C-alpha atoms as a PDB file:
ATOM      1  CA  MET A   1     124.822  51.554 207.580  1.00  0.00           C
ATOM      2  CA  LYS A   2     123.408  53.548 204.826  1.00  0.00           C
ATOM      3  CA  GLU A   3     125.531  53.874 200.929  1.00  0.00           C
ATOM      4  CA  ASN A   4     126.584  57.692 200.461  1.00  0.00           C
ATOM      5  CA  ILE A   5     125.234  59.382 197.739  1.00  0.00           C
ATOM      6  CA  ILE A   6     126.813  62.913 196.723  1.00  0.00           C
ATOM      7  CA  LEU A   7     125.970  64.861 194.091  1.00  0.00           C
ATOM      8  CA  PHE A   8     128.212  67.506 192.995  1.00  0.00           C
ATOM      9  CA  ASP A   9     127.298  70.833 191.368  1.00  0.00           C
ATOM     10  CA  LEU A  10     129.944  72.381 189.153  1.00  0.00           C
ATOM     11  CA  ASP A  11     130.664  75.598 188.135  1.00  0.00           C
ATOM     12  CA  GLY A  12     131.717  77.184 192.372  1.00  0.00           C
ATOM     13  CA  THR A  13     131.731  73.678 193.530  1.00  0.00           C
ATOM     14  CA  LEU A  14     134.046  72.198 191.485  1.00  0.00           C
ATOM     15  CA  ILE A  15     135.588  74.751 189.069  1.00  0.00           C
ATOM     16  CA  ASP A  16     135.753  77.831 188.359  1.00  0.00           C
ATOM     17  CA  SER A  17     134.591  79.115 185.429  1.00  0.00           C
ATOM     18  CA  THR A  18     134.235  82.601 186.195  1.00  0.00           C
ATOM     19  CA  ASP A  19     136.517  84.252 183.715  1.00  0.00           C
ATOM     20  CA  ALA A  20     135.006  82.045 180.764  1.00  0.00           C
ATOM     21  CA  ILE A  21     131.341  82.877 181.586  1.00  0.00           C
ATOM     22  CA  VAL A  22     131.701  86.212 182.370  1.00  0.00           C
ATOM     23  CA  SER A  23     134.100  87.445 179.140  1.00  0.00           C
ATOM     24  CA  THR A  24     131.731  85.091 176.825  1.00  0.00           C
ATOM     25  CA  PHE A  25     128.701  87.509 178.378  1.00  0.00           C
ATOM     26  CA  ILE A  26     130.388  90.665 177.094  1.00  0.00           C
ATOM     27  CA  HIS A  27     131.001  89.070 173.777  1.00  0.00           C
ATOM     28  CA  SER A  28     127.987  87.747 172.770  1.00  0.00           C
ATOM     29  CA  PHE A  29     126.693  91.972 173.950  1.00  0.00           C
ATOM     30  CA  GLU A  30     129.624  92.874 171.679  1.00  0.00           C
ATOM     31  CA  GLU A  31     128.659  90.678 168.806  1.00  0.00           C
ATOM     32  CA  MET A  32     124.848  90.965 168.760  1.00  0.00           C
ATOM     33  CA  ASN A  33     125.108  94.686 169.664  1.00  0.00           C
ATOM     34  CA  PHE A  34     123.812  95.168 172.742  1.00  0.00           C
ATOM     35  CA  ASP A  35     124.364  98.128 174.995  1.00  0.00           C
ATOM     36  CA  PHE A  36     124.966  96.640 178.374  1.00  0.00           C
ATOM     37  CA  LYS A  37     124.853  98.549 181.208  1.00  0.00           C
ATOM     38  CA  GLY A  38     125.915  96.658 183.716  1.00  0.00           C
ATOM     39  CA  ASN A  39     129.332  95.625 185.265  1.00  0.00           C
ATOM     40  CA  GLU A  40     130.444  92.288 185.854  1.00  0.00           C
ATOM     41  CA  GLU A  41     129.009  91.987 189.315  1.00  0.00           C
ATOM     42  CA  ASP A  42     125.940  91.954 187.984  1.00  0.00           C
ATOM     43  CA  ILE A  43     126.763  88.859 185.312  1.00  0.00           C
ATOM     44  CA  LYS A  44     128.401  87.261 188.038  1.00  0.00           C
ATOM     45  CA  SER A  45     125.234  87.221 190.874  1.00  0.00           C
ATOM     46  CA  PHE A  46     123.194  85.265 188.227  1.00  0.00           C
ATOM     47  CA  ILE A  47     125.794  81.901 187.621  1.00  0.00           C
ATOM     48  CA  GLY A  48     123.758  79.018 188.010  1.00  0.00           C
ATOM     49  CA  TYR A  49     120.773  80.044 186.247  1.00  0.00           C
ATOM     50  CA  PRO A  50     120.501  78.811 182.839  1.00  0.00           C
ATOM     51  CA  LEU A  51     121.834  81.276 179.996  1.00  0.00           C
ATOM     52  CA  ASP A  52     118.342  82.379 178.809  1.00  0.00           C
ATOM     53  CA  ILE A  53     117.807  83.137 182.274  1.00  0.00           C
ATOM     54  CA  MET A  54     120.788  84.811 183.072  1.00  0.00           C
ATOM     55  CA  TYR A  55     120.130  87.028 179.808  1.00  0.00           C
ATOM     56  CA  ALA A  56     116.888  87.974 180.713  1.00  0.00           C
ATOM     57  CA  ASN A  57     117.525  89.196 184.001  1.00  0.00           C
ATOM     58  CA  LEU A  58     120.121  91.309 181.969  1.00  0.00           C
ATOM     59  CA  GLY A  59     117.994  93.230 179.928  1.00  0.00           C
ATOM     60  CA  ILE A  60     117.623  91.103 177.398  1.00  0.00           C
ATOM     61  CA  GLN A  61     114.068  91.310 175.378  1.00  0.00           C
ATOM     62  CA  GLU A  62     112.537  87.635 175.339  1.00  0.00           C
ATOM     63  CA  ASP A  63     112.433  87.245 171.481  1.00  0.00           C
ATOM     64  CA  ARG A  64     116.008  87.985 171.059  1.00  0.00           C
ATOM     65  CA  VAL A  65     117.338  85.553 173.893  1.00  0.00           C
ATOM     66  CA  TRP A  66     118.040  82.763 172.028  1.00  0.00           C
ATOM     67  CA  ASP A  67     119.623  84.297 169.699  1.00  0.00           C
ATOM     68  CA  PHE A  68     122.313  85.585 172.213  1.00  0.00           C
ATOM     69  CA  VAL A  69     122.454  81.989 174.090  1.00  0.00           C
ATOM     70  CA  ALA A  70     123.350  80.901 170.454  1.00  0.00           C
ATOM     71  CA  SER A  71     126.245  83.702 170.671  1.00  0.00           C
ATOM     72  CA  TYR A  72     127.105  82.426 173.846  1.00  0.00           C
ATOM     73  CA  LYS A  73     127.743  78.466 173.497  1.00  0.00           C
ATOM     74  CA  ASN A  74     129.753  79.128 169.429  1.00  0.00           C
ATOM     75  CA  ARG A  75     132.817  80.906 171.705  1.00  0.00           C
ATOM     76  CA  TYR A  76     131.687  79.607 174.956  1.00  0.00           C
ATOM     77  CA  ARG A  77     132.664  75.502 173.238  1.00  0.00           C
ATOM     78  CA  LYS A  78     136.201  77.164 171.873  1.00  0.00           C
ATOM     79  CA  ILE A  79     137.731  78.858 175.271  1.00  0.00           C
ATOM     80  CA  SER A  80     135.631  77.085 178.145  1.00  0.00           C
ATOM     81  CA  THR A  81     138.908  74.729 178.805  1.00  0.00           C
ATOM     82  CA  GLN A  82     141.278  77.451 178.398  1.00  0.00           C
ATOM     83  CA  LYS A  83     139.380  79.895 180.994  1.00  0.00           C
ATOM     84  CA  THR A  84     138.653  77.571 183.642  1.00  0.00           C
ATOM     85  CA  THR A  85     140.345  76.417 186.163  1.00  0.00           C
ATOM     86  CA  LEU A  86     139.543  74.073 189.068  1.00  0.00           C
ATOM     87  CA  LEU A  87     139.232  74.708 192.431  1.00  0.00           C
ATOM     88  CA  PRO A  88     141.811  74.396 195.431  1.00  0.00           C
ATOM     89  CA  GLU A  89     140.722  70.489 196.547  1.00  0.00           C
ATOM     90  CA  ALA A  90     138.309  69.866 193.919  1.00  0.00           C
ATOM     91  CA  LEU A  91     140.210  66.770 192.240  1.00  0.00           C
ATOM     92  CA  GLU A  92     140.927  65.398 195.854  1.00  0.00           C
ATOM     93  CA  ALA A  93     137.282  65.832 197.127  1.00  0.00           C
ATOM     94  CA  VAL A  94     136.187  63.989 193.959  1.00  0.00           C
ATOM     95  CA  GLN A  95     138.813  61.324 194.802  1.00  0.00           C
ATOM     96  CA  LEU A  96     137.617  61.400 198.117  1.00  0.00           C
ATOM     97  CA  ALA A  97     134.024  61.566 197.541  1.00  0.00           C
ATOM     98  CA  ALA A  98     134.747  58.427 195.162  1.00  0.00           C
ATOM     99  CA  LYS A  99     135.524  56.132 198.375  1.00  0.00           C
ATOM    100  CA  ILE A 100     133.109  56.886 200.699  1.00  0.00           C
ATOM    101  CA  GLY A 101     130.029  56.690 197.867  1.00  0.00           C
ATOM    102  CA  ARG A 102     129.109  56.912 194.666  1.00  0.00           C
ATOM    103  CA  VAL A 103     128.900  60.778 192.817  1.00  0.00           C
ATOM    104  CA  SER A 104     127.558  62.040 190.485  1.00  0.00           C
ATOM    105  CA  VAL A 105     127.257  65.399 188.661  1.00  0.00           C
ATOM    106  CA  VAL A 106     123.869  68.239 188.656  1.00  0.00           C
ATOM    107  CA  THR A 107     124.254  71.242 186.909  1.00  0.00           C
ATOM    108  CA  THR A 108     122.828  73.641 184.914  1.00  0.00           C
ATOM    109  CA  LYS A 109     125.285  73.522 182.387  1.00  0.00           C
ATOM    110  CA  THR A 110     124.898  71.233 179.296  1.00  0.00           C
ATOM    111  CA  ARG A 111     126.713  67.875 179.456  1.00  0.00           C
ATOM    112  CA  LEU A 112     127.994  68.923 175.397  1.00  0.00           C
ATOM    113  CA  TYR A 113     130.262  72.038 177.916  1.00  0.00           C
ATOM    114  CA  THR A 114     130.962  70.198 180.685  1.00  0.00           C
ATOM    115  CA  MET A 115     132.264  66.925 179.570  1.00  0.00           C
ATOM    116  CA  PRO A 116     134.874  68.072 177.697  1.00  0.00           C
ATOM    117  CA  LEU A 117     135.673  69.708 181.305  1.00  0.00           C
ATOM    118  CA  LEU A 118     135.266  67.032 183.378  1.00  0.00           C
ATOM    119  CA  GLU A 119     137.457  65.039 180.727  1.00  0.00           C
ATOM    120  CA  HIS A 120     140.491  67.791 180.907  1.00  0.00           C
ATOM    121  CA  PHE A 121     140.344  67.849 184.460  1.00  0.00           C
ATOM    122  CA  LYS A 122     140.201  64.405 184.696  1.00  0.00           C
ATOM    123  CA  LEU A 123     137.532  64.134 186.793  1.00  0.00           C
ATOM    124  CA  SER A 124     134.871  62.425 184.570  1.00  0.00           C
ATOM    125  CA  GLU A 125     136.316  58.956 185.354  1.00  0.00           C
ATOM    126  CA  HIS A 126     134.652  58.872 188.656  1.00  0.00           C
ATOM    127  CA  PHE A 127     131.275  60.384 187.811  1.00  0.00           C
ATOM    128  CA  GLU A 128     128.102  57.369 187.586  1.00  0.00           C
ATOM    129  CA  ILE A 129     126.237  59.961 186.143  1.00  0.00           C
ATOM    130  CA  VAL A 130     126.517  64.366 185.102  1.00  0.00           C
ATOM    131  CA  THR A 131     122.976  65.095 184.373  1.00  0.00           C
ATOM    132  CA  GLY A 132     122.794  68.454 182.477  1.00  0.00           C
ATOM    133  CA  ARG A 133     120.502  70.610 181.228  1.00  0.00           C
ATOM    134  CA  GLU A 134     118.940  69.758 178.569  1.00  0.00           C
ATOM    135  CA  ASN A 135     118.191  66.320 180.567  1.00  0.00           C
ATOM    136  CA  VAL A 136     115.054  68.161 182.043  1.00  0.00           C
ATOM    137  CA  GLU A 137     112.817  70.251 181.527  1.00  0.00           C
ATOM    138  CA  ASN A 138     113.479  72.506 184.964  1.00  0.00           C
ATOM    139  CA  PRO A 139     116.426  73.297 185.819  1.00  0.00           C
ATOM    140  CA  LYS A 140     117.336  74.311 189.405  1.00  0.00           C
ATOM    141  CA  PRO A 141     116.487  75.444 192.387  1.00  0.00           C
ATOM    142  CA  HIS A 142     113.562  72.721 190.697  1.00  0.00           C
ATOM    143  CA  PRO A 143     114.172  69.455 192.101  1.00  0.00           C
ATOM    144  CA  GLU A 144     113.743  67.382 188.544  1.00  0.00           C
ATOM    145  CA  PRO A 145     117.395  67.464 188.190  1.00  0.00           C
ATOM    146  CA  ILE A 146     118.045  66.300 191.384  1.00  0.00           C
ATOM    147  CA  LEU A 147     115.534  63.552 191.175  1.00  0.00           C
ATOM    148  CA  VAL A 148     116.249  62.244 187.647  1.00  0.00           C
ATOM    149  CA  THR A 149     120.071  61.777 188.617  1.00  0.00           C
ATOM    150  CA  LEU A 150     118.948  59.638 191.413  1.00  0.00           C
ATOM    151  CA  GLU A 151     115.965  57.447 190.096  1.00  0.00           C
ATOM    152  CA  GLN A 152     119.435  56.581 187.398  1.00  0.00           C
ATOM    153  CA  MET A 153     121.225  55.841 190.357  1.00  0.00           C
ATOM    154  CA  ASN A 154     118.636  53.204 191.917  1.00  0.00           C
ATOM    155  CA  TYR A 155     118.138  55.689 194.557  1.00  0.00           C
ATOM    156  CA  ASN A 156     116.090  53.352 197.459  1.00  0.00           C
ATOM    157  CA  GLU A 157     115.940  55.856 200.173  1.00  0.00           C
ATOM    158  CA  ASN A 158     116.040  52.741 203.422  1.00  0.00           C
ATOM    159  CA  THR A 159     119.198  51.852 202.206  1.00  0.00           C
ATOM    160  CA  HIS A 160     121.179  55.487 200.306  1.00  0.00           C
ATOM    161  CA  ASN A 161     122.126  59.033 202.360  1.00  0.00           C
ATOM    162  CA  VAL A 162     121.955  61.634 199.540  1.00  0.00           C
ATOM    163  CA  TRP A 163     123.991  64.380 199.765  1.00  0.00           C
ATOM    164  CA  MET A 164     123.787  67.885 197.817  1.00  0.00           C
ATOM    165  CA  ILE A 165     126.786  70.096 197.359  1.00  0.00           C
ATOM    166  CA  GLY A 166     126.689  72.986 195.794  1.00  0.00           C
ATOM    167  CA  ASP A 167     127.884  77.257 196.203  1.00  0.00           C
ATOM    168  CA  THR A 168     124.267  78.566 195.412  1.00  0.00           C
ATOM    169  CA  LYS A 169     120.980  78.737 196.777  1.00  0.00           C
ATOM    170  CA  LEU A 170     119.292  77.049 193.381  1.00  0.00           C
ATOM    171  CA  ASP A 171     120.930  74.225 194.393  1.00  0.00           C
ATOM    172  CA  LEU A 172     120.100  74.158 198.536  1.00  0.00           C
ATOM    173  CA  ILE A 173     116.228  74.666 197.006  1.00  0.00           C
ATOM    174  CA  ALA A 174     116.363  72.013 195.006  1.00  0.00           C
ATOM    175  CA  ALA A 175     118.339  69.919 197.727  1.00  0.00           C
ATOM    176  CA  ASN A 176     115.550  70.692 199.820  1.00  0.00           C
ATOM    177  CA  ASP A 177     112.867  70.673 197.618  1.00  0.00           C
ATOM    178  CA  ALA A 178     113.690  66.725 196.730  1.00  0.00           C
ATOM    179  CA  ASN A 179     114.525  65.970 200.336  1.00  0.00           C
ATOM    180  CA  ILE A 180     118.124  64.965 200.536  1.00  0.00           C
ATOM    181  CA  ASN A 181     120.316  66.531 202.979  1.00  0.00           C
ATOM    182  CA  SER A 182     122.667  69.569 201.600  1.00  0.00           C
ATOM    183  CA  ILE A 183     126.335  71.061 202.193  1.00  0.00           C
ATOM    184  CA  ALA A 184     126.686  74.270 200.981  1.00  0.00           C
ATOM    185  CA  VAL A 185     130.672  75.431 199.461  1.00  0.00           C
ATOM    186  CA  LEU A 186     131.478  79.449 200.099  1.00  0.00           C
ATOM    187  CA  CYS A 187     134.262  78.591 197.425  1.00  0.00           C
ATOM    188  CA  GLY A 188     131.667  79.798 194.668  1.00  0.00           C
ATOM    189  CA  TYR A 189     129.228  82.856 194.095  1.00  0.00           C
ATOM    190  CA  GLY A 190     126.476  82.354 196.650  1.00  0.00           C
ATOM    191  CA  LYS A 191     126.992  84.635 200.423  1.00  0.00           C
ATOM    192  CA  LYS A 192     127.126  82.837 203.723  1.00  0.00           C
ATOM    193  CA  GLU A 193     123.939  84.939 204.867  1.00  0.00           C
ATOM    194  CA  GLU A 194     121.883  83.550 202.054  1.00  0.00           C
ATOM    195  CA  LEU A 195     123.721  80.424 202.116  1.00  0.00           C
ATOM    196  CA  LYS A 196     122.280  79.959 206.231  1.00  0.00           C
ATOM    197  CA  LYS A 197     118.793  80.081 204.942  1.00  0.00           C
ATOM    198  CA  TYR A 198     118.616  77.046 202.749  1.00  0.00           C
ATOM    199  CA  THR A 199     121.098  74.749 205.014  1.00  0.00           C
ATOM    200  CA  PRO A 200     122.652  74.723 208.436  1.00  0.00           C
ATOM    201  CA  ASN A 201     125.447  73.211 206.982  1.00  0.00           C
ATOM    202  CA  ILE A 202     128.140  75.401 205.784  1.00  0.00           C
ATOM    203  CA  THR A 203     131.712  74.929 204.494  1.00  0.00           C
ATOM    204  CA  ASP A 204     134.721  76.051 202.922  1.00  0.00           C
ATOM    205  CA  ASN A 205     134.955  74.394 199.887  1.00  0.00           C
ATOM    206  CA  ALA A 206     133.988  70.547 198.385  1.00  0.00           C
ATOM    207  CA  LEU A 207     136.666  68.311 200.066  1.00  0.00           C
ATOM    208  CA  SER A 208     135.756  69.852 203.685  1.00  0.00           C
ATOM    209  CA  ALA A 209     132.090  69.024 202.879  1.00  0.00           C
ATOM    210  CA  ILE A 210     132.912  65.287 202.225  1.00  0.00           C
ATOM    211  CA  LYS A 211     135.542  65.380 204.846  1.00  0.00           C
ATOM    212  CA  TYR A 212     131.888  66.445 206.766  1.00  0.00           C
ATOM    213  CA  ILE A 213     129.897  63.746 205.382  1.00  0.00           C
ATOM    214  CA  GLN A 214     132.696  60.916 205.690  1.00  0.00           C
ATOM    215  CA  LEU A 215     132.779  61.842 209.667  1.00  0.00           C
ATOM    216  CA  LEU A 216     129.335  61.741 209.476  1.00  0.00           C
ATOM    217  CA  SER A 217     129.460  57.774 207.461  1.00  0.00           C
END
């Protein structure tokens, strides 16, 4: 029997940080005197991408993107834990995952902002590796974050069975290109019809995903 390695995305998979992210984008637009013509749904549609790509997609000129990112980070670090909640059954999902395998996080957030959240929600003790934006050159949907994580976990295809659990196509594309299994969860930002294009495995949330893996173990 192969040992399970379970990789979790963060936003939309284990935590609901919508309020923190959206309100901070709006704050940065106001602080930087940018007349944002979109709405909150436009911001939500890009959650999962790196901040610089999100800002570019929302209309910020390339030469100003990093100023907006700096504005975002300055506020986000102050309000992230207060405006973020654990998704239903997320704690139970991580606890069960840790019983049936080795567990890590693969996120587009930087570790600087990820670790305080994991510690705040008492999740950090369960994770072997936390791979953030600063740990790779190419973020998801590129497979590099997954491959870097697996290398640190001494992955061996002959002895390990690997699963990536995420809520957007970015997680699933990265998993496919890394040649590992994937499960999409419907508790985040991706839509079911879109997610079905990239994985046959669709579940309601992280706990149901882990129970599926447990059945196959």
